[in-house]
Amino acid sequence: MREAFRASPSPTSGAALPDTVLVCLGGADPTHQTQRITAELLALPSVRLVHAVVGGAYLGWTGLSAWAEDQPRLQLHRNLSGPELAALMRQCGAAVCSASTVSYEYAAAGGGLLFVLATVDNQRDIDFYLRSAGLALPYTSAANVLTSPEAERLTSRLRQQQQRVFDGLAPARLRQEFRALPLPTAPFHLRLVTAADSEQLLTWTNEPTVRQFSFNPTPVARPDHEQWLNARLQDPNALLLLAQDAATGRPAGLIRFAVTEGEQEATLSYLLDAGFRGRGLAPLLLLAGTRRLLAQFPAVRHVVGHVQPANVASVHAFERAGFYRRPAPADDASLTYVWYGVGAA
């Protein structure tokens, strides 16, 4: 998207209502649907104002502008710059857009009740994505939705979902995925921890190397461990996953997550069995565990892990897995790494 649309969207407070509708079917609108769509919208009693936007390549401008002279609820715009279009989009609580980059731009600018129309065949994939992800509705539903008493509620719902996806972090998400691409397939599978794993987990927890790099190096007493494990197994916001070697079935490690009450962020910690260290498995465990967490808790937007700076192996593991290092004061006792998820509605 253009630079004017890359920043995080503005808050939804004071957001535009769906009685003001944007029509933007691409700069050229090669199938000449702008006038037809605009006329259909102006026929709806719930539509107060329509802003129709075309580009310099639009060939029907003379006819469109002549027709618009008799439409007092219509404002025409031609050849808007990126900042000008972004500002106009924020005034429109609803929009009819081609299933192209302009739909992404509307959602990124603040969004609202987005109706998509695939004007050419190569837009069908984007049309399917926007509708199936709950980011847009088909244009064929526009008349019913815009005249419905639920229009404002639907506008708010779509806007919230759009702002979860178009939050200014798309480049970061792409970079983390590309950094993780060279990793091989994990030679283990993950399963949920059960009470029967208590002894194995306690052995790992008190292993000297694990305690050395723990933020609390004191060995854990068995009663304390059992009480902790029992509480985690009953906690709906906790996820404990044990990695089992695919070839031998041996327990290879543990990754666990604590999800915040609002399900916006999850904090992880992990460890590997001594027999499985030095084989490059830590980034695979981090990535596999994080993907499992996000599948189970789709509303989570950030997965974070805290590492002691002296734990060089763990630092490298987070970086190889694609996690970002959060900026922190120089005197901070730990490093924080984050994976950006796409929160669901």
Protein backbone atom coordinates (compact mmCIF):
# COMPACT_ATOMS: atom_id res chain seq x y z
CA MET A 1 0.00 0.00 0.00
CA ARG A 2 1.00 3.61 -0.44
CA GLU A 3 2.75 5.39 2.40
CA ALA A 4 -0.35 7.39 3.39
CA PHE A 5 -2.09 4.13 4.37
CA ARG A 6 0.72 2.32 6.19
CA ALA A 7 0.34 3.87 9.63
CA SER A 8 -1.85 2.33 12.31
CA PRO A 9 -5.52 3.30 11.86
CA SER A 10 -6.99 6.04 13.97
CA PRO A 11 -9.18 5.04 16.95
CA THR A 12 -12.81 4.20 16.29
CA SER A 13 -14.11 6.96 18.59
CA GLY A 14 -15.82 9.61 16.47
CA ALA A 15 -15.65 7.33 13.42
CA ALA A 16 -17.81 8.18 10.40
CA LEU A 17 -21.34 6.79 10.10
CA PRO A 18 -22.46 4.60 7.17
CA ASP A 19 -24.80 7.29 5.81
CA THR A 20 -21.77 8.73 3.97
CA VAL A 21 -20.55 6.31 1.30
CA LEU A 22 -17.37 6.23 -0.76
CA VAL A 23 -17.43 4.75 -4.26
CA CYS A 24 -13.99 3.93 -5.64
CA LEU A 25 -13.73 1.22 -8.30
CA GLY A 26 -10.12 1.83 -9.17
CA GLY A 27 -8.54 4.72 -11.01
CA ALA A 28 -9.71 3.60 -14.47
CA ASP A 29 -12.96 1.75 -13.67
CA PRO A 30 -12.60 -0.06 -17.04
CA THR A 31 -16.12 -1.53 -16.92
CA HIS A 32 -17.70 1.92 -16.25
CA GLN A 33 -19.68 0.96 -13.16
CA THR A 34 -19.09 4.09 -11.06
CA GLN A 35 -22.22 5.88 -12.29
CA ARG A 36 -24.46 2.82 -11.95
CA ILE A 37 -23.28 2.02 -8.42
CA THR A 38 -23.56 5.67 -7.37
CA ALA A 39 -27.11 5.92 -8.73
CA GLU A 40 -28.14 2.78 -6.84
CA LEU A 41 -26.74 4.20 -3.60
CA LEU A 42 -28.39 7.59 -4.06
CA ALA A 43 -31.72 5.79 -4.43
CA LEU A 44 -31.43 4.54 -0.81
CA PRO A 45 -33.14 6.82 1.73
CA SER A 46 -30.53 6.00 4.38
CA VAL A 47 -27.65 7.39 2.28
CA ARG A 48 -27.02 11.05 3.03
CA LEU A 49 -23.97 11.66 0.82
CA VAL A 50 -21.92 9.77 -1.76
CA HIS A 51 -18.30 10.56 -2.61
CA ALA A 52 -17.34 9.04 -5.99
CA VAL A 53 -13.64 8.85 -6.81
CA VAL A 54 -12.04 8.17 -10.19
CA GLY A 55 -8.50 8.48 -11.50
CA GLY A 56 -6.90 10.23 -14.41
CA ALA A 57 -7.30 7.13 -16.60
CA TYR A 58 -11.09 7.12 -16.24
CA LEU A 59 -12.56 7.70 -19.72
CA GLY A 60 -16.13 8.52 -18.72
CA TRP A 61 -15.44 11.71 -16.78
CA THR A 62 -17.35 14.06 -19.08
CA GLY A 63 -20.55 12.07 -18.92
CA LEU A 64 -20.19 11.35 -15.20
CA SER A 65 -19.62 15.00 -14.27
CA ALA A 66 -22.56 16.13 -16.43
CA TRP A 67 -24.85 13.60 -14.73
CA ALA A 68 -23.55 14.61 -11.29
CA GLU A 69 -24.74 18.20 -11.75
CA ASP A 70 -28.29 17.00 -11.05
CA GLN A 71 -27.29 14.96 -7.97
CA PRO A 72 -27.11 17.25 -4.91
CA ARG A 73 -26.08 14.35 -2.60
CA LEU A 74 -23.08 13.45 -4.77
CA GLN A 75 -19.55 14.83 -4.71
CA LEU A 76 -17.12 13.83 -7.44
CA HIS A 77 -13.35 13.55 -6.96
CA ARG A 78 -10.69 12.99 -9.59
CA ASN A 79 -7.00 12.15 -9.38
CA LEU A 80 -6.68 12.40 -5.58
CA SER A 81 -3.25 11.99 -4.01
CA GLY A 82 -2.70 9.28 -1.40
CA PRO A 83 -3.07 11.64 1.58
CA GLU A 84 -6.16 13.26 0.02
CA LEU A 85 -7.81 9.88 -0.56
CA ALA A 86 -6.96 8.69 2.95
CA ALA A 87 -8.54 11.83 4.44
CA LEU A 88 -11.68 11.36 2.33
CA MET A 89 -11.95 7.70 3.30
CA ARG A 90 -11.96 8.63 6.97
CA GLN A 91 -15.07 10.74 6.34
CA CYS A 92 -16.96 7.75 4.89
CA GLY A 93 -18.41 5.13 7.23
CA ALA A 94 -19.27 2.92 4.27
CA ALA A 95 -17.58 2.25 0.95
CA VAL A 96 -18.08 0.36 -2.30
CA CYS A 97 -14.66 -0.55 -3.64
CA SER A 98 -13.21 -2.82 -6.28
CA ALA A 99 -11.64 -5.97 -4.84
CA SER A 100 -8.17 -4.51 -5.18
CA THR A 101 -5.63 -2.45 -3.29
CA VAL A 102 -8.19 0.31 -2.84
CA SER A 103 -10.18 -1.98 -0.51
CA TYR A 104 -7.03 -2.53 1.56
CA GLU A 105 -6.47 1.23 1.63
CA TYR A 106 -10.00 1.92 2.85
CA ALA A 107 -9.61 -0.65 5.66
CA ALA A 108 -6.19 0.76 6.57
CA ALA A 109 -7.43 4.36 6.62
CA GLY A 110 -9.94 3.57 9.36
CA GLY A 111 -12.43 1.35 7.60
CA GLY A 112 -16.10 0.74 8.05
CA LEU A 113 -18.90 -0.95 6.17
CA LEU A 114 -16.92 -2.15 3.17
CA PHE A 115 -18.73 -3.63 0.17
CA VAL A 116 -16.49 -5.22 -2.46
CA LEU A 117 -17.11 -5.68 -6.14
CA ALA A 118 -14.79 -7.72 -8.36
CA THR A 119 -14.75 -5.63 -11.53
CA VAL A 120 -12.25 -7.88 -13.39
CA ASP A 121 -11.39 -11.57 -13.15
CA ASN A 122 -7.99 -11.09 -11.48
CA GLN A 123 -9.71 -9.55 -8.42
CA ARG A 124 -11.60 -12.68 -7.43
CA ASP A 125 -8.95 -13.94 -4.99
CA ILE A 126 -8.91 -10.63 -3.10
CA ASP A 127 -12.71 -10.56 -3.16
CA PHE A 128 -12.81 -14.04 -1.60
CA TYR A 129 -10.22 -13.17 1.04
CA LEU A 130 -11.91 -9.95 2.17
CA ARG A 131 -15.32 -11.58 2.51
CA SER A 132 -14.16 -14.86 4.06
CA ALA A 133 -11.99 -13.02 6.63
CA GLY A 134 -14.93 -10.92 7.78
CA LEU A 135 -13.41 -7.71 6.44
CA ALA A 136 -16.02 -6.92 3.81
CA LEU A 137 -19.45 -7.80 2.44
CA PRO A 138 -20.47 -8.41 -1.19
CA TYR A 139 -21.86 -5.38 -2.98
CA THR A 140 -25.06 -7.30 -3.72
CA SER A 141 -25.97 -6.95 -0.02
CA ALA A 142 -25.41 -3.16 0.11
CA ALA A 143 -29.01 -2.05 -0.29
CA ASN A 144 -30.30 -4.36 2.44
CA VAL A 145 -27.47 -3.59 4.87
CA LEU A 146 -27.42 0.19 4.42
CA THR A 147 -31.16 0.44 5.04
CA SER A 148 -31.09 -1.95 7.99
CA PRO A 149 -31.40 -0.73 11.60
CA GLU A 150 -28.29 -2.86 12.22
CA ALA A 151 -26.14 -0.84 9.81
CA GLU A 152 -24.20 1.02 12.50
CA ARG A 153 -23.55 -2.14 14.50
CA LEU A 154 -22.29 -3.94 11.38
CA THR A 155 -20.11 -0.95 10.56
CA SER A 156 -18.49 -1.10 13.98
CA ARG A 157 -17.95 -4.86 13.73
CA LEU A 158 -16.28 -4.72 10.31
CA ARG A 159 -14.18 -1.71 11.32
CA GLN A 160 -12.85 -3.52 14.39
CA GLN A 161 -11.92 -6.58 12.35
CA GLN A 162 -10.28 -4.44 9.65
CA GLN A 163 -8.20 -2.62 12.25
CA ARG A 164 -6.99 -5.93 13.66
CA VAL A 165 -5.57 -6.85 10.26
CA PHE A 166 -4.58 -3.40 8.94
CA ASP A 167 -2.79 -2.22 12.07
CA GLY A 168 0.47 -1.03 10.53
CA LEU A 169 2.28 -4.27 11.44
CA ALA A 170 1.86 -6.16 8.15
CA PRO A 171 5.51 -5.53 7.12
CA ALA A 172 6.70 -6.89 10.48
CA ARG A 173 4.55 -10.00 10.10
CA LEU A 174 5.89 -10.63 6.61
CA ARG A 175 9.49 -10.23 7.79
CA GLN A 176 9.03 -12.64 10.70
CA GLU A 177 7.52 -15.25 8.36
CA PHE A 178 10.35 -14.87 5.84
CA ARG A 179 12.97 -15.14 8.61
CA ALA A 180 11.35 -18.39 9.73
CA LEU A 181 11.20 -19.89 6.22
CA PRO A 182 14.70 -21.47 6.20
CA LEU A 183 13.91 -23.54 9.30
CA PRO A 184 13.55 -27.28 8.64
CA THR A 185 10.52 -29.34 9.54
CA ALA A 186 10.41 -30.01 13.29
CA PRO A 187 11.44 -33.63 14.12
CA PHE A 188 8.95 -33.73 16.97
CA HIS A 189 5.25 -33.33 17.58
CA LEU A 190 3.52 -31.33 20.27
CA ARG A 191 0.93 -32.66 22.67
CA LEU A 192 -0.84 -31.22 25.69
CA VAL A 193 0.86 -31.72 29.04
CA THR A 194 -1.03 -33.94 31.49
CA ALA A 195 -0.68 -34.62 35.21
CA ALA A 196 1.27 -37.77 34.31
CA ASP A 197 4.10 -35.54 33.01
CA SER A 198 4.70 -34.00 36.45
CA GLU A 199 7.88 -35.94 37.25
CA GLN A 200 9.46 -35.20 33.88
CA LEU A 201 8.66 -31.50 34.15
CA LEU A 202 10.09 -31.28 37.66
CA THR A 203 13.30 -32.99 36.51
CA TRP A 204 13.66 -30.50 33.68
CA THR A 205 12.82 -27.55 35.91
CA ASN A 206 15.55 -28.36 38.42
CA GLU A 207 18.21 -29.30 35.88
CA PRO A 208 21.25 -27.04 36.63
CA THR A 209 21.43 -25.39 33.20
CA VAL A 210 17.73 -24.56 33.27
CA ARG A 211 18.02 -23.04 36.74
CA GLN A 212 21.11 -21.08 35.69
CA PHE A 213 19.17 -19.14 33.08
CA SER A 214 15.91 -18.92 34.98
CA PHE A 215 14.89 -15.56 36.42
CA ASN A 216 14.52 -17.41 39.74
CA PRO A 217 17.51 -19.77 40.05
CA THR A 218 16.31 -21.39 43.30
CA PRO A 219 15.41 -25.10 42.83
CA VAL A 220 11.69 -25.80 42.90
CA ALA A 221 10.33 -28.03 45.68
CA ARG A 222 8.09 -30.92 44.64
CA PRO A 223 4.96 -29.69 46.51
CA ASP A 224 5.32 -26.25 44.95
CA HIS A 225 5.77 -27.77 41.50
CA GLU A 226 2.74 -30.03 41.83
CA GLN A 227 0.59 -27.16 43.07
CA TRP A 228 1.78 -24.99 40.16
CA LEU A 229 1.15 -27.71 37.56
CA ASN A 230 -2.30 -28.51 38.89
CA ALA A 231 -3.24 -24.81 38.72
CA ARG A 232 -1.93 -24.48 35.14
CA LEU A 233 -3.79 -27.57 33.94
CA GLN A 234 -7.04 -26.07 35.21
CA ASP A 235 -6.36 -22.59 33.89
CA PRO A 236 -8.23 -21.90 30.59
CA ASN A 237 -5.68 -19.18 29.78
CA ALA A 238 -2.67 -21.48 30.07
CA LEU A 239 -1.29 -23.74 27.36
CA LEU A 240 1.42 -26.30 28.19
CA LEU A 241 2.84 -28.31 25.29
CA LEU A 242 5.31 -31.17 25.50
CA ALA A 243 7.51 -31.93 22.49
CA GLN A 244 7.98 -35.63 21.76
CA ASP A 245 10.68 -36.85 19.42
CA ALA A 246 9.00 -38.23 16.30
CA ALA A 247 11.49 -41.10 15.91
CA THR A 248 11.75 -42.35 19.49
CA GLY A 249 8.78 -40.86 21.31
CA ARG A 250 11.11 -39.50 23.98
CA PRO A 251 10.14 -36.21 25.66
CA ALA A 252 12.31 -33.55 24.03
CA GLY A 253 11.17 -30.33 25.67
CA LEU A 254 8.43 -28.08 26.92
CA ILE A 255 6.92 -24.80 25.78
CA ARG A 256 4.25 -23.08 27.86
CA PHE A 257 2.15 -19.95 27.46
CA ALA A 258 0.22 -17.71 29.83
CA VAL A 259 -2.47 -15.74 28.03
CA THR A 260 -3.60 -12.43 29.50
CA GLU A 261 -7.19 -12.18 30.67
CA GLY A 262 -8.18 -10.10 27.64
CA GLU A 263 -6.46 -12.63 25.33
CA GLN A 264 -4.43 -9.88 23.65
CA GLU A 265 -0.96 -11.06 24.70
CA ALA A 266 0.66 -14.33 25.70
CA THR A 267 3.96 -14.84 27.51
CA LEU A 268 6.00 -17.94 26.76
CA SER A 269 8.82 -19.89 28.34
CA TYR A 270 10.47 -23.03 27.03
CA LEU A 271 13.19 -25.58 27.70
CA LEU A 272 14.84 -28.50 25.95
CA ASP A 273 15.94 -31.80 27.43
CA ALA A 274 19.73 -31.99 27.79
CA GLY A 275 19.85 -34.84 25.26
CA PHE A 276 18.25 -32.66 22.58
CA ARG A 277 20.30 -29.49 22.97
CA GLY A 278 22.81 -28.37 20.39
CA ARG A 279 20.71 -29.66 17.49
CA GLY A 280 18.99 -26.44 16.47
CA LEU A 281 15.64 -27.50 17.89
CA ALA A 282 14.93 -24.44 20.04
CA PRO A 283 13.74 -22.17 17.17
CA LEU A 284 11.61 -25.02 15.85
CA LEU A 285 9.99 -25.43 19.27
CA LEU A 286 9.38 -21.69 19.55
CA LEU A 287 7.79 -21.49 16.12
CA ALA A 288 5.69 -24.67 16.40
CA GLY A 289 4.47 -23.74 19.86
CA THR A 290 3.58 -20.20 18.87
CA ARG A 291 1.62 -21.36 15.85
CA ARG A 292 -0.27 -23.86 18.02
CA LEU A 293 -1.06 -21.12 20.54
CA LEU A 294 -2.37 -18.72 17.89
CA ALA A 295 -4.58 -21.46 16.45
CA GLN A 296 -6.10 -22.09 19.88
CA PHE A 297 -6.22 -18.42 20.97
CA PRO A 298 -6.85 -16.50 17.72
CA ALA A 299 -7.42 -13.20 19.54
CA VAL A 300 -3.80 -13.07 20.74
CA ARG A 301 -1.94 -10.24 19.02
CA HIS A 302 1.50 -10.48 20.67
CA VAL A 303 3.46 -13.50 21.89
CA VAL A 304 6.41 -12.44 24.04
CA GLY A 305 9.37 -14.18 25.59
CA HIS A 306 11.87 -12.81 28.10
CA VAL A 307 15.52 -13.88 27.95
CA GLN A 308 18.57 -13.15 30.06
CA PRO A 309 21.22 -11.44 27.89
CA ALA A 310 23.77 -14.06 28.99
CA ASN A 311 21.59 -16.84 27.53
CA VAL A 312 23.14 -16.51 24.09
CA ALA A 313 21.66 -19.78 22.78
CA SER A 314 18.13 -18.66 23.61
CA VAL A 315 18.72 -15.22 22.11
CA HIS A 316 19.80 -16.87 18.85
CA ALA A 317 16.80 -19.22 18.98
CA PHE A 318 14.29 -16.38 19.18
CA GLU A 319 16.00 -14.53 16.35
CA ARG A 320 16.17 -17.59 14.09
CA ALA A 321 12.50 -18.32 14.75
CA GLY A 322 11.60 -14.86 13.45
CA PHE A 323 10.80 -13.09 16.72
CA TYR A 324 11.49 -9.36 17.00
CA ARG A 325 13.52 -7.87 19.80
CA ARG A 326 11.64 -5.10 21.55
CA PRO A 327 13.64 -1.95 22.30
CA ALA A 328 14.43 -1.67 26.02
CA PRO A 329 16.55 0.51 28.31
CA ALA A 330 20.23 -0.39 28.35
CA ASP A 331 20.04 -1.35 32.03
CA ASP A 332 17.07 -3.72 31.56
CA ALA A 333 17.74 -7.09 33.20
CA SER A 334 16.20 -9.04 30.33
CA LEU A 335 15.64 -9.00 26.58
CA THR A 336 12.08 -9.23 25.29
CA TYR A 337 11.21 -10.90 21.99
CA VAL A 338 7.80 -10.66 20.32
CA TRP A 339 5.88 -12.48 17.61
CA TYR A 340 3.06 -10.50 16.02
CA GLY A 341 -0.20 -12.37 15.52
CA VAL A 342 -3.35 -11.21 13.76
CA GLY A 343 -6.03 -10.96 16.44
CA ALA A 344 -9.45 -12.36 15.49
CA ALA A 345 -12.81 -10.87 16.23
